[in-house]
N, C-alpha and C. Protein backbone atom coordinates (compact mmCIF):
# COMPACT_ATOMS: atom_id res chain seq x y z
N UNK A 1 31.31 3.16 13.34
CA UNK A 1 30.40 2.47 12.71
C UNK A 1 28.95 3.02 13.43
N UNK A 2 28.23 2.45 12.36
CA UNK A 2 27.03 2.15 13.52
C UNK A 2 26.76 1.09 14.68
N UNK A 3 26.22 0.61 14.83
CA UNK A 3 25.12 0.18 16.17
C UNK A 3 23.72 -1.01 15.60
N UNK A 4 23.55 -0.18 14.87
CA UNK A 4 22.16 -0.50 14.62
C UNK A 4 22.74 -2.18 13.57
N UNK A 5 21.33 -3.23 14.04
CA UNK A 5 21.29 -4.57 13.26
C UNK A 5 20.31 -4.96 12.40
N UNK A 6 20.16 -5.28 11.10
CA UNK A 6 19.24 -6.21 10.76
C UNK A 6 18.57 -7.20 11.39
N UNK A 7 17.37 -7.12 11.56
CA UNK A 7 16.66 -8.79 12.23
C UNK A 7 16.65 -9.32 10.59
N UNK A 8 16.85 -10.56 11.26
CA UNK A 8 17.18 -11.64 9.83
C UNK A 8 16.08 -12.52 9.65
N UNK A 9 16.17 -12.72 8.19
CA UNK A 9 15.15 -13.33 8.15
C UNK A 9 13.50 -12.45 6.97
N UNK A 10 13.44 -11.33 7.28
CA UNK A 10 12.46 -10.79 6.95
C UNK A 10 12.49 -9.89 5.51
N UNK A 11 11.29 -9.32 5.61
CA UNK A 11 11.14 -9.21 3.78
C UNK A 11 10.81 -7.56 3.78
N UNK A 12 11.44 -6.89 3.18
CA UNK A 12 11.12 -5.31 3.27
C UNK A 12 9.26 -4.63 2.71
N UNK A 13 8.67 -4.99 3.28
CA UNK A 13 7.21 -3.74 2.60
C UNK A 13 6.81 -2.28 3.15
N UNK A 14 6.18 -1.92 2.20
CA UNK A 14 5.87 -0.64 2.75
C UNK A 14 4.79 -0.67 3.40
N UNK A 15 4.32 0.34 4.51
CA UNK A 15 2.60 -0.17 5.04
C UNK A 15 1.77 1.51 4.24
N UNK A 16 0.98 1.35 4.85
CA UNK A 16 -0.06 2.64 4.07
C UNK A 16 0.71 3.84 4.07
N UNK A 17 1.30 3.88 5.63
CA UNK A 17 1.94 5.40 6.16
C UNK A 17 3.04 5.75 4.84
N UNK A 18 3.99 4.31 4.69
CA UNK A 18 4.67 4.74 3.70
C UNK A 18 4.72 4.57 1.95
N UNK A 19 3.66 3.95 1.74
CA UNK A 19 2.58 4.03 0.40
C UNK A 19 2.74 5.83 -0.05
N UNK A 20 1.18 6.33 1.05
CA UNK A 20 1.03 7.32 1.07
C UNK A 20 2.64 8.31 0.75
N UNK A 21 3.45 8.38 1.63
CA UNK A 21 4.48 9.40 1.27
C UNK A 21 5.39 9.37 0.49
N UNK A 22 5.25 8.17 -0.18
CA UNK A 22 5.89 7.57 -1.53
C UNK A 22 5.57 8.57 -2.86
N UNK A 23 4.08 8.90 -2.55
CA UNK A 23 4.18 9.51 -4.06
C UNK A 23 2.31 10.85 -3.42
N UNK A 24 2.58 11.16 -2.37
CA UNK A 24 1.80 12.09 -2.28
C UNK A 24 2.63 13.56 -2.75
N UNK A 25 4.09 13.76 -3.37
CA UNK A 25 4.06 14.56 -4.31
C UNK A 25 5.51 14.08 -5.01
N UNK A 26 5.28 14.59 -5.86
CA UNK A 26 6.59 14.96 -7.16
C UNK A 26 7.61 14.46 -6.51
N UNK A 27 8.25 16.00 -5.44
CA UNK A 27 9.44 15.85 -5.55
C UNK A 27 10.28 14.93 -4.47
N UNK A 28 11.50 14.45 -4.84
CA UNK A 28 12.27 13.26 -4.12
C UNK A 28 12.98 13.65 -2.97
N UNK A 29 13.30 12.96 -2.27
CA UNK A 29 14.18 12.73 -1.12
C UNK A 29 14.46 11.52 -0.68
N UNK A 30 15.23 11.33 0.86
CA UNK A 30 16.01 10.16 0.07
C UNK A 30 15.87 8.87 0.81
N UNK A 31 14.13 9.50 2.04
CA UNK A 31 12.87 8.32 2.31
C UNK A 31 11.43 8.16 0.40
N UNK A 32 11.63 8.82 0.14
CA UNK A 32 11.24 8.51 -1.11
C UNK A 32 11.73 7.97 -1.97
N UNK A 33 12.79 7.97 -2.61
CA UNK A 33 13.63 6.79 -3.04
C UNK A 33 14.28 6.16 -2.91
N UNK A 34 14.07 5.56 -1.40
CA UNK A 34 13.86 4.05 -0.72
C UNK A 34 12.28 3.38 -0.90
N UNK A 35 11.46 4.43 -0.60
CA UNK A 35 10.38 3.70 -0.84
C UNK A 35 9.67 3.65 -2.23
N UNK A 36 10.13 4.23 -2.75
CA UNK A 36 9.36 4.34 -4.23
C UNK A 36 9.98 3.53 -5.32
N UNK A 37 11.90 2.91 -4.88
CA UNK A 37 12.44 1.79 -5.50
C UNK A 37 11.80 0.51 -4.72
N UNK A 38 11.26 0.14 -4.00
CA UNK A 38 10.45 -0.58 -2.71
C UNK A 38 9.60 -0.76 -3.71
N UNK A 39 8.40 -0.09 -4.11
CA UNK A 39 7.14 -0.11 -4.64
C UNK A 39 7.41 -0.43 -6.02
N UNK A 40 9.22 -0.17 -6.64
CA UNK A 40 8.60 -0.67 -7.53
C UNK A 40 9.12 -2.19 -8.10
N UNK A 41 9.34 -2.87 -7.05
CA UNK A 41 9.50 -4.45 -7.23
C UNK A 41 8.33 -5.54 -7.66
N UNK A 42 8.74 -6.08 -8.12
CA UNK A 42 7.58 -6.92 -8.37
C UNK A 42 7.15 -7.89 -6.71
N UNK A 43 8.83 -7.98 -6.04
CA UNK A 43 8.18 -9.01 -4.69
C UNK A 43 8.88 -8.23 -3.93
N UNK A 44 8.41 -8.36 -2.35
CA UNK A 44 8.58 -7.67 -1.31
C UNK A 44 10.08 -8.59 -1.12
N UNK A 45 11.18 -7.64 -0.97
CA UNK A 45 12.70 -8.03 -0.86
C UNK A 45 13.07 -8.60 -0.22
N UNK A 46 13.79 -9.63 0.07
CA UNK A 46 15.12 -10.15 1.46
C UNK A 46 15.35 -8.44 2.08
N UNK A 47 15.08 -8.59 3.78
CA UNK A 47 15.57 -7.65 4.38
C UNK A 47 17.03 -7.31 4.39
N UNK A 48 18.18 -7.71 3.52
CA UNK A 48 19.77 -7.95 3.90
C UNK A 48 20.49 -6.21 3.37
N UNK A 49 21.67 -6.13 4.30
CA UNK A 49 22.21 -4.47 4.23
C UNK A 49 22.42 -4.34 2.30
N UNK A 50 22.81 -5.75 1.59
CA UNK A 50 22.99 -5.22 0.24
C UNK A 50 21.63 -4.48 -0.20
N UNK A 51 19.93 -5.28 -0.50
CA UNK A 51 19.16 -5.09 -0.60
C UNK A 51 18.70 -3.62 -0.92
N UNK A 52 19.39 -3.01 0.66
CA UNK A 52 18.71 -1.95 1.97
C UNK A 52 19.56 -1.04 0.68
N UNK A 53 21.36 -0.85 0.22
CA UNK A 53 21.77 0.26 -0.01
C UNK A 53 21.55 -0.03 -1.46
N UNK A 54 21.35 -0.74 -1.99
CA UNK A 54 21.24 -0.42 -2.93
C UNK A 54 19.81 0.07 -3.57
N UNK A 55 18.27 -0.01 -2.74
CA UNK A 55 17.23 0.03 -2.20
C UNK A 55 16.95 1.90 -2.50
N UNK A 56 18.48 2.04 -1.01
CA UNK A 56 17.99 3.62 -0.94
C UNK A 56 18.74 4.23 -1.69
N UNK A 57 19.90 3.92 -2.18
CA UNK A 57 20.88 4.57 -3.40
C UNK A 57 22.18 5.49 -2.13
N UNK A 58 21.77 4.59 -0.89
CA UNK A 58 22.66 5.13 0.12
C UNK A 58 24.84 4.99 -0.37
N UNK A 59 25.58 5.95 0.67
CA UNK A 59 26.97 5.65 0.15
C UNK A 59 27.69 4.38 0.99
N UNK A 60 26.68 4.66 1.52
CA UNK A 60 27.53 3.39 2.87
C UNK A 60 26.30 2.44 3.67
N UNK A 61 26.90 1.49 4.10
CA UNK A 61 25.36 0.21 4.63
C UNK A 61 25.08 1.26 6.21
N UNK A 62 26.10 1.95 7.01
CA UNK A 62 25.47 2.84 7.50
C UNK A 62 24.39 3.62 7.64
N UNK A 63 24.57 4.54 6.63
CA UNK A 63 23.39 5.32 5.75
C UNK A 63 22.25 4.62 5.96
N UNK A 64 22.61 4.00 5.65
CA UNK A 64 21.47 3.19 4.41
C UNK A 64 20.71 2.45 6.16
N UNK A 65 21.44 1.69 6.98
CA UNK A 65 20.62 1.43 8.23
C UNK A 65 19.75 2.85 8.76
N UNK A 66 20.90 4.14 8.80
CA UNK A 66 20.33 4.96 9.80
C UNK A 66 18.91 5.36 8.70
N UNK A 67 18.71 5.52 7.67
CA UNK A 67 17.10 5.71 7.08
C UNK A 67 16.85 4.84 7.25
N UNK A 68 16.70 3.30 7.35
CA UNK A 68 16.07 2.71 7.62
C UNK A 68 15.35 2.83 9.33
N UNK A 69 16.18 3.27 9.95
CA UNK A 69 15.62 3.41 11.33
C UNK A 69 14.47 4.72 11.37
N UNK A 70 14.80 5.63 10.26
CA UNK A 70 14.01 6.62 10.82
C UNK A 70 12.50 6.34 9.79
N UNK A 71 13.05 5.66 9.03
CA UNK A 71 10.96 4.71 8.40
C UNK A 71 11.08 4.25 9.27
N UNK A 72 11.37 3.42 9.89
CA UNK A 72 10.99 2.97 10.72
C UNK A 72 9.99 2.97 11.66
N UNK A 73 10.81 4.65 12.97
CA UNK A 73 10.13 5.43 13.59
C UNK A 73 8.78 6.03 12.82
N UNK A 74 8.74 6.45 12.09
CA UNK A 74 7.49 6.58 11.23
C UNK A 74 6.53 5.73 10.82
N UNK A 75 7.28 4.29 10.91
CA UNK A 75 5.96 3.70 10.66
C UNK A 75 5.17 3.84 8.82
N UNK A 76 6.60 3.91 8.78
CA UNK A 76 6.17 3.91 6.99
C UNK A 76 6.56 2.38 6.24
N UNK A 77 8.00 1.10 6.57
CA UNK A 77 7.96 -0.09 6.76
C UNK A 77 7.85 -0.61 7.49
N UNK A 78 7.70 -1.91 6.87
CA UNK A 78 7.49 -3.09 8.20
C UNK A 78 8.03 -4.46 7.43
N UNK A 79 8.59 -5.66 8.51
CA UNK A 79 9.44 -6.60 7.87
C UNK A 79 7.94 -8.08 8.02
N UNK A 80 8.27 -8.33 6.68
CA UNK A 80 7.41 -9.61 6.74
C UNK A 80 7.81 -11.18 6.87
N UNK A 81 6.69 -12.21 7.12
CA UNK A 81 7.77 -12.91 7.85
C UNK A 81 7.90 -13.73 6.20
N UNK A 82 7.59 -14.12 5.25
CA UNK A 82 7.42 -14.58 3.85
C UNK A 82 7.33 -13.37 2.72
N UNK A 83 7.66 -14.05 1.69
CA UNK A 83 7.83 -12.82 0.70
C UNK A 83 5.98 -12.63 -0.44
N UNK A 84 5.98 -11.52 -0.64
CA UNK A 84 4.45 -11.21 -1.42
C UNK A 84 5.22 -10.64 -2.36
N UNK A 85 4.09 -11.06 -3.48
CA UNK A 85 4.02 -10.33 -4.76
C UNK A 85 3.19 -9.61 -5.37
N UNK A 86 3.65 -8.47 -6.21
CA UNK A 86 2.61 -6.98 -6.44
C UNK A 86 1.64 -8.32 -7.74
N UNK A 87 0.06 -7.75 -7.17
CA UNK A 87 -0.57 -7.95 -8.00
C UNK A 87 -0.75 -8.61 -9.72
N UNK A 88 -0.70 -9.66 -10.05
CA UNK A 88 -0.50 -9.63 -11.61
C UNK A 88 -1.74 -9.45 -12.52
N UNK A 89 -3.25 -9.26 -12.32
CA UNK A 89 -3.91 -9.01 -13.42
C UNK A 89 -4.19 -8.11 -13.57
N UNK A 90 -4.50 -7.63 -14.47
CA UNK A 90 -5.22 -6.81 -15.48
C UNK A 90 -5.35 -5.32 -15.11
N UNK A 91 -5.25 -4.33 -14.43
CA UNK A 91 -5.77 -3.16 -14.02
C UNK A 91 -6.79 -3.14 -13.65
N UNK A 92 -7.55 -2.70 -15.22
CA UNK A 92 -9.07 -3.02 -15.35
C UNK A 92 -10.13 -4.26 -14.94
N UNK A 93 -8.85 -4.87 -14.34
CA UNK A 93 -9.55 -5.95 -13.21
C UNK A 93 -9.60 -5.70 -12.07
N UNK A 94 -8.76 -5.51 -11.75
CA UNK A 94 -8.48 -5.62 -10.15
C UNK A 94 -8.72 -4.06 -9.63
N UNK A 95 -8.38 -2.88 -10.68
CA UNK A 95 -8.60 -1.11 -9.59
C UNK A 95 -10.06 -1.12 -9.29
N UNK A 96 -11.22 -1.41 -9.76
CA UNK A 96 -12.96 -0.89 -9.44
C UNK A 96 -13.04 -2.19 -7.71
N UNK A 97 -11.86 -3.14 -7.40
CA UNK A 97 -12.28 -3.88 -6.16
C UNK A 97 -11.70 -2.55 -5.03
N UNK A 98 -10.53 -2.51 -5.65
CA UNK A 98 -9.41 -1.71 -4.58
C UNK A 98 -10.09 -0.71 -4.09
N UNK A 99 -10.56 0.21 -5.21
CA UNK A 99 -10.99 1.27 -5.02
C UNK A 99 -12.22 1.63 -3.92
N UNK A 100 -13.04 0.42 -4.21
CA UNK A 100 -13.99 0.55 -3.56
C UNK A 100 -13.67 0.34 -2.13
N UNK A 101 -12.40 -0.45 -2.15
CA UNK A 101 -12.66 -1.04 -0.32
C UNK A 101 -11.85 0.19 0.63
N UNK A 102 -11.52 1.43 0.10
CA UNK A 102 -10.63 2.04 -0.11
C UNK A 102 -11.62 3.63 0.57
N UNK A 103 -13.00 3.42 0.86
CA UNK A 103 -13.74 4.12 1.25
C UNK A 103 -15.03 3.58 1.83
N UNK A 104 -15.55 4.62 2.55
CA UNK A 104 -16.87 4.03 3.84
C UNK A 104 -18.15 3.52 2.54
N UNK A 105 -18.24 4.79 1.43
CA UNK A 105 -18.87 4.88 0.54
C UNK A 105 -19.37 3.51 -0.22
N UNK A 106 -17.95 2.83 -0.20
CA UNK A 106 -17.86 2.25 -1.45
C UNK A 106 -17.67 2.79 -3.27
N UNK A 107 -18.14 4.18 -2.93
CA UNK A 107 -17.61 4.69 -3.92
C UNK A 107 -16.31 5.72 -4.27
N UNK A 108 -15.29 5.41 -5.67
CA UNK A 108 -13.98 5.96 -5.60
C UNK A 108 -13.50 5.75 -7.15
N UNK A 109 -13.02 6.71 -7.26
CA UNK A 109 -11.69 6.73 -8.81
C UNK A 109 -10.67 6.97 -8.96
N UNK A 110 -10.24 6.37 -10.03
CA UNK A 110 -8.93 6.90 -10.08
C UNK A 110 -8.52 7.43 -11.09
N UNK A 111 -8.10 9.10 -11.35
CA UNK A 111 -8.56 10.37 -12.68
C UNK A 111 -7.12 9.85 -13.15
N UNK A 112 -6.47 10.27 -14.05
CA UNK A 112 -6.03 10.99 -14.99
C UNK A 112 -5.10 12.35 -14.84
N UNK A 113 -3.55 12.94 -14.96
CA UNK A 113 -4.13 14.21 -15.40
C UNK A 113 -4.96 15.22 -16.56
N UNK A 114 -5.54 13.75 -17.85
CA UNK A 114 -5.99 14.90 -18.68
C UNK A 114 -7.54 14.80 -18.40
N UNK A 115 -7.70 14.26 -17.03
CA UNK A 115 -9.35 14.41 -16.94
C UNK A 115 -10.08 13.04 -17.34
N UNK A 116 -9.61 12.58 -17.12
CA UNK A 116 -9.56 10.93 -17.49
C UNK A 116 -10.30 9.24 -16.51
N UNK A 117 -10.67 8.82 -16.24
CA UNK A 117 -10.67 7.75 -15.09
C UNK A 117 -10.34 7.25 -15.50
N UNK A 118 -9.37 6.13 -15.32
CA UNK A 118 -8.90 4.54 -15.22
C UNK A 118 -9.69 3.78 -14.75
N UNK A 119 -10.14 3.97 -13.48
CA UNK A 119 -11.22 2.69 -13.20
C UNK A 119 -12.67 3.55 -12.24
N UNK A 120 -13.60 2.41 -11.18
CA UNK A 120 -14.41 3.66 -10.70
C UNK A 120 -15.15 2.84 -9.97
N UNK A 121 -15.96 2.51 -8.86
CA UNK A 121 -16.53 2.37 -8.27
C UNK A 121 -17.51 2.56 -7.54
N UNK A 122 -18.39 2.87 -8.17
CA UNK A 122 -20.05 3.24 -6.92
C UNK A 122 -20.69 4.20 -7.55
N UNK A 123 -19.83 5.09 -8.54
CA UNK A 123 -20.36 5.98 -9.53
C UNK A 123 -20.64 5.18 -10.53
N UNK A 124 -21.67 6.22 -11.46
CA UNK A 124 -22.17 6.07 -12.56
C UNK A 124 -21.68 6.97 -13.00
N UNK A 125 -21.76 6.13 -14.67
CA UNK A 125 -20.48 6.89 -15.46
C UNK A 125 -20.37 8.28 -15.59
N UNK A 126 -21.83 9.15 -15.76
CA UNK A 126 -21.47 10.40 -15.90
C UNK A 126 -20.82 10.94 -14.92
N UNK A 127 -20.87 10.52 -13.55
CA UNK A 127 -20.90 11.05 -12.79
C UNK A 127 -19.32 11.17 -12.07
N UNK A 128 -18.64 9.83 -12.85
CA UNK A 128 -17.37 9.84 -12.81
C UNK A 128 -16.40 10.47 -13.37
N UNK A 129 -16.87 11.02 -14.84
CA UNK A 129 -16.52 11.49 -15.55
C UNK A 129 -16.29 12.89 -14.98
N UNK A 130 -17.24 13.45 -15.15
CA UNK A 130 -17.37 14.69 -14.27
C UNK A 130 -15.93 15.10 -12.83
N UNK A 131 -16.31 13.83 -12.14
CA UNK A 131 -15.62 13.85 -10.85
C UNK A 131 -14.00 14.10 -11.31
N UNK A 132 -13.40 13.14 -12.40
CA UNK A 132 -12.40 12.70 -12.52
C UNK A 132 -11.53 13.83 -13.81
N UNK A 133 -12.33 15.07 -14.26
CA UNK A 133 -12.00 16.37 -14.91
C UNK A 133 -12.01 17.30 -13.86
N UNK A 134 -12.68 17.43 -12.76
CA UNK A 134 -12.75 18.45 -11.46
C UNK A 134 -11.32 17.80 -11.03
N UNK A 135 -10.86 16.44 -10.55
CA UNK A 135 -9.84 15.88 -9.82
C UNK A 135 -8.49 16.88 -10.79
N UNK A 136 -8.20 17.09 -12.23
CA UNK A 136 -7.76 16.96 -12.97
C UNK A 136 -7.42 18.78 -12.88
N UNK A 137 -8.71 19.54 -12.67
CA UNK A 137 -8.59 20.15 -12.11
C UNK A 137 -7.70 20.80 -11.33
N UNK A 138 -8.23 20.58 -10.70
CA UNK A 138 -7.84 20.62 -8.72
C UNK A 138 -6.63 20.41 -8.42
N UNK A 139 -5.91 19.86 -9.13
CA UNK A 139 -4.42 19.11 -9.10
C UNK A 139 -4.21 19.91 -9.68
N UNK A 140 -4.48 20.46 -10.99
CA UNK A 140 -3.47 21.78 -11.76
C UNK A 140 -3.64 23.04 -10.30
N UNK A 141 -4.62 23.72 -10.20
CA UNK A 141 -4.40 24.77 -8.84
C UNK A 141 -3.55 24.39 -7.84
N UNK A 142 -3.49 23.34 -7.53
CA UNK A 142 -3.07 23.27 -6.18
C UNK A 142 -1.55 23.12 -7.13
N UNK A 143 -0.73 22.26 -7.97
CA UNK A 143 0.43 23.31 -7.98
C UNK A 143 0.67 24.11 -9.14
N UNK A 144 0.14 24.74 -8.82
CA UNK A 144 0.16 26.15 -9.28
C UNK A 144 -0.06 27.07 -8.11
N UNK A 145 -0.58 26.87 -7.19
CA UNK A 145 -0.65 27.35 -5.29
C UNK A 145 0.09 26.84 -4.76
N UNK A 146 1.17 25.69 -5.16
CA UNK A 146 1.13 25.12 -3.66
C UNK A 146 2.55 26.02 -3.04
N UNK A 147 3.64 27.02 -3.41
CA UNK A 147 3.98 28.05 -3.00
C UNK A 147 3.45 28.72 -1.85
N UNK A 148 2.48 28.93 -2.02
CA UNK A 148 1.57 29.70 -1.13
C UNK A 148 1.04 28.64 -0.28
N UNK A 149 0.86 27.76 -0.99
CA UNK A 149 0.14 26.67 0.36
C UNK A 149 1.37 26.43 1.50
N UNK A 150 2.10 25.54 0.48
CA UNK A 150 3.11 25.09 1.62
C UNK A 150 4.09 26.48 2.48
N UNK A 151 4.29 27.22 1.76
CA UNK A 151 5.61 28.10 2.10
C UNK A 151 5.61 28.82 3.06
N UNK A 152 3.82 29.46 2.74
CA UNK A 152 3.29 30.50 3.03
C UNK A 152 2.70 30.17 4.65
N UNK A 153 1.76 29.41 3.98
CA UNK A 153 0.93 28.85 5.37
C UNK A 153 0.97 27.09 5.91
N UNK A 154 2.07 26.95 5.26
CA UNK A 154 2.88 25.74 6.34
C UNK A 154 1.63 24.72 6.11
N UNK A 155 0.81 24.35 5.01
CA UNK A 155 -0.03 23.23 4.84
C UNK A 155 0.77 21.93 3.83
N UNK A 156 1.00 21.04 4.22
CA UNK A 156 1.88 19.86 3.61
C UNK A 156 0.79 19.27 2.73
N UNK A 157 0.21 18.65 2.87
CA UNK A 157 -0.65 18.31 2.36
C UNK A 157 -0.99 18.71 1.20
N UNK A 158 -1.63 17.56 0.16
CA UNK A 158 -1.82 17.97 -1.20
C UNK A 158 -3.30 17.88 -1.49
N UNK A 159 -4.18 17.40 -0.22
CA UNK A 159 -5.33 17.27 -0.89
C UNK A 159 -6.40 17.74 -0.70
N UNK A 160 -7.10 17.25 -1.45
CA UNK A 160 -8.45 18.70 -1.41
C UNK A 160 -10.08 18.14 -0.93
N UNK A 161 -10.19 18.78 -0.04
CA UNK A 161 -11.81 17.62 0.26
C UNK A 161 -13.05 19.08 -0.25
N UNK A 162 -14.11 18.32 -0.37
CA UNK A 162 -15.71 19.35 0.13
C UNK A 162 -16.69 18.96 0.75
N UNK A 163 -16.16 19.62 2.08
CA UNK A 163 -16.96 19.49 3.30
C UNK A 163 -18.37 20.01 3.97
N UNK A 164 -19.17 19.89 4.70
CA UNK A 164 -20.43 20.30 4.66
C UNK A 164 -20.29 21.43 6.18
N UNK A 165 -21.16 21.29 6.44
CA UNK A 165 -21.26 22.81 7.15
C UNK A 165 -20.29 22.64 8.48
N UNK A 166 -20.73 21.72 8.98
CA UNK A 166 -19.81 21.25 9.78
C UNK A 166 -18.48 20.81 10.18
N UNK A 167 -17.98 21.16 8.63
CA UNK A 167 -16.65 20.65 7.97
C UNK A 167 -16.16 19.36 7.82
N UNK A 168 -17.42 18.43 7.50
CA UNK A 168 -16.62 17.30 7.25
C UNK A 168 -16.46 16.67 6.22
N UNK A 169 -15.87 16.22 5.68
CA UNK A 169 -15.86 15.68 4.01
C UNK A 169 -16.64 15.16 3.51
N UNK A 170 -17.16 15.46 3.00
CA UNK A 170 -17.99 14.63 1.58
C UNK A 170 -18.21 13.82 0.45
N UNK A 171 -17.03 14.33 -0.26
CA UNK A 171 -15.98 14.40 -1.25
C UNK A 171 -14.05 14.67 -1.00
N UNK A 172 -13.12 13.41 -1.48
CA UNK A 172 -11.77 14.39 -1.12
C UNK A 172 -11.54 13.54 -2.32
N UNK A 173 -10.12 14.51 -2.50
CA UNK A 173 -9.57 14.60 -4.03
C UNK A 173 -7.80 13.80 -3.68
N UNK A 174 -7.69 13.35 -3.72
CA UNK A 174 -6.02 13.10 -3.02
C UNK A 174 -4.85 13.27 -4.27
N UNK A 175 -3.89 14.02 -5.16
CA UNK A 175 -3.08 14.10 -6.15
C UNK A 175 -2.34 12.05 -5.89
N UNK A 176 -1.90 11.92 -6.38
CA UNK A 176 -0.81 10.74 -5.94
C UNK A 176 0.79 10.46 -7.70
N UNK A 177 1.31 11.19 -7.17
CA UNK A 177 2.75 11.48 -8.11
C UNK A 177 2.89 10.00 -8.58
N UNK A 178 3.42 9.56 -9.31
CA UNK A 178 3.96 8.17 -9.46
C UNK A 178 4.77 8.07 -11.00
N UNK A 179 6.56 8.33 -10.36
CA UNK A 179 6.55 8.14 -12.17
C UNK A 179 6.35 9.62 -12.72
N UNK A 180 6.30 9.89 -14.64
CA UNK A 180 5.72 11.24 -14.09
C UNK A 180 4.64 11.31 -14.49
N UNK A 181 3.98 10.38 -14.30
CA UNK A 181 2.18 10.65 -14.18
C UNK A 181 1.67 11.60 -12.85
N UNK A 182 0.79 11.66 -12.86
CA UNK A 182 0.29 12.43 -12.16
C UNK A 182 -1.52 12.04 -12.15
N UNK A 183 -1.82 11.16 -11.19
CA UNK A 183 -3.05 10.82 -10.91
C UNK A 183 -3.80 11.36 -9.42
N UNK A 184 -5.14 11.17 -9.84
CA UNK A 184 -5.37 11.88 -8.47
C UNK A 184 -6.85 10.60 -7.85
N UNK A 185 -6.95 10.18 -7.07
CA UNK A 185 -7.62 9.43 -5.96
C UNK A 185 -8.86 10.15 -5.51
N UNK A 186 -10.12 9.94 -5.93
CA UNK A 186 -11.11 10.38 -5.34
C UNK A 186 -12.16 9.37 -4.82
N UNK A 187 -12.73 9.88 -3.23
CA UNK A 187 -13.59 9.28 -2.43
C UNK A 187 -14.53 9.77 -2.23
N UNK A 188 -15.51 9.40 -1.92
CA UNK A 188 -16.29 9.88 -1.54
C UNK A 188 -16.56 9.26 0.27
N UNK A 189 -17.60 10.06 1.23
CA UNK A 189 -16.71 9.64 2.37
C UNK A 189 -15.77 9.57 3.50
N UNK A 190 -15.97 8.90 4.29
CA UNK A 190 -14.88 8.27 5.06
C UNK A 190 -13.51 7.56 4.26
N UNK A 191 -11.97 8.47 3.75
CA UNK A 191 -11.51 7.38 2.98
C UNK A 191 -10.74 6.23 4.26
N UNK A 192 -10.68 5.02 3.49
CA UNK A 192 -9.80 4.11 4.10
C UNK A 192 -8.11 3.95 3.79
N UNK A 193 -7.34 4.78 3.74
CA UNK A 193 -6.27 4.98 3.59
C UNK A 193 -5.32 4.43 3.80
N UNK A 194 -5.55 3.66 5.40
CA UNK A 194 -4.74 3.14 6.13
C UNK A 194 -4.77 1.69 6.20
N UNK A 195 -5.63 1.29 5.14
CA UNK A 195 -5.50 -0.47 5.01
C UNK A 195 -4.68 -1.03 3.99
N UNK A 196 -4.81 -2.35 3.90
CA UNK A 196 -3.48 -2.79 3.05
C UNK A 196 -3.91 -2.96 1.47
N UNK A 197 -5.31 -3.37 1.11
CA UNK A 197 -5.46 -2.36 0.03
C UNK A 197 -4.66 -0.67 -0.71
N UNK A 198 -4.71 0.14 0.38
CA UNK A 198 -3.97 0.85 0.09
C UNK A 198 -2.72 0.34 -1.04
N UNK A 199 -1.93 -0.20 0.21
CA UNK A 199 -0.11 -0.40 -0.61
C UNK A 199 -0.65 -1.18 -2.07
N UNK A 200 -1.33 -2.23 -1.80
CA UNK A 200 -1.83 -2.78 -3.18
C UNK A 200 -1.67 -2.06 -4.50
N UNK A 201 -2.48 -0.83 -4.28
CA UNK A 201 -3.36 -0.06 -5.24
C UNK A 201 -2.09 0.59 -5.62
N UNK A 202 -1.12 0.88 -4.93
CA UNK A 202 0.24 1.80 -5.10
C UNK A 202 1.09 1.53 -5.78
N UNK A 203 1.61 0.22 -5.21
CA UNK A 203 1.81 -1.27 -5.77
C UNK A 203 2.33 -1.38 -7.10
N UNK A 204 0.74 -1.54 -7.63
CA UNK A 204 -0.02 -1.78 -8.29
C UNK A 204 0.53 -0.78 -9.89
N UNK A 205 0.46 -0.01 -9.47
CA UNK A 205 0.36 1.79 -10.44
C UNK A 205 2.27 1.54 -10.24
N UNK A 206 2.58 1.64 -9.37
CA UNK A 206 4.10 2.22 -9.47
C UNK A 206 4.86 0.85 -10.79
N UNK A 207 4.24 -0.39 -10.03
CA UNK A 207 5.23 -0.89 -11.54
C UNK A 207 4.53 -0.91 -13.10
N UNK A 208 3.53 -0.30 -12.60
CA UNK A 208 3.04 0.01 -14.70
C UNK A 208 3.26 1.44 -15.09
N UNK A 209 3.60 2.12 -13.86
CA UNK A 209 3.63 3.45 -14.61
C UNK A 209 4.98 4.42 -14.02
N UNK A 210 5.80 3.49 -13.13
CA UNK A 210 6.76 4.56 -12.51
C UNK A 210 7.96 3.80 -12.93
N UNK A 211 9.64 3.77 -13.68
CA UNK A 211 10.52 3.46 -13.74
C UNK A 211 11.15 3.06 -12.77
N UNK A 212 11.78 2.18 -11.64
CA UNK A 212 12.75 1.84 -10.73
C UNK A 212 13.92 1.57 -11.22
N UNK A 213 14.85 2.75 -10.26
CA UNK A 213 15.99 3.15 -11.11
C UNK A 213 16.52 1.63 -9.65
N UNK A 214 16.00 0.59 -9.31
CA UNK A 214 16.52 -0.85 -9.09
C UNK A 214 15.84 -1.37 -9.22
N UNK A 215 16.41 -2.78 -9.63
CA UNK A 215 15.91 -4.06 -10.30
C UNK A 215 16.59 -5.33 -9.42
N UNK A 216 15.99 -6.33 -8.80
CA UNK A 216 16.54 -6.95 -7.58
C UNK A 216 16.06 -8.31 -8.22
């Protein structure tokens, strides 16, 4: 019997690191199952054994607790003192502000796998069109060559970057796998993926484009 005990009165929420882990690859695993189901909820759920077992798809409460312990050790989840709700405004209204907050330059866009952009912040329209087309091509290239990058070179990241002579990133491309969709987050300057706004972005997109296997 597991000796792990849940802290009462908290609500389970993904951290920026957890949100990125949930969508950084298309492949699933136990951690991603819990994180994706969590991000598929309209409200942050109460942290109970029943809820945790449902979200994780675990066969026992002990297994669910061990998974939560693992996620907590990676700082991928956190307990909140009050419940939060996902933004309910239309995507076109909230995405530009969310995107702009994730880059030091305020320039960012979200492209789809067809090479069109859903929203943009700071980029002129013509530049956003070209960057979104490039992002789709890079994501497709990575998908074709992921065997070399992951298995042979041990590179677990799917992000790409254009760097200067010193190796500093000038503009970066981060594929985001949400449901059956693949998006690419494009940002100029220093990325701020450790901000709460990144969780809001992934949460909002997950509610719109991914179908959670659990509805609490």
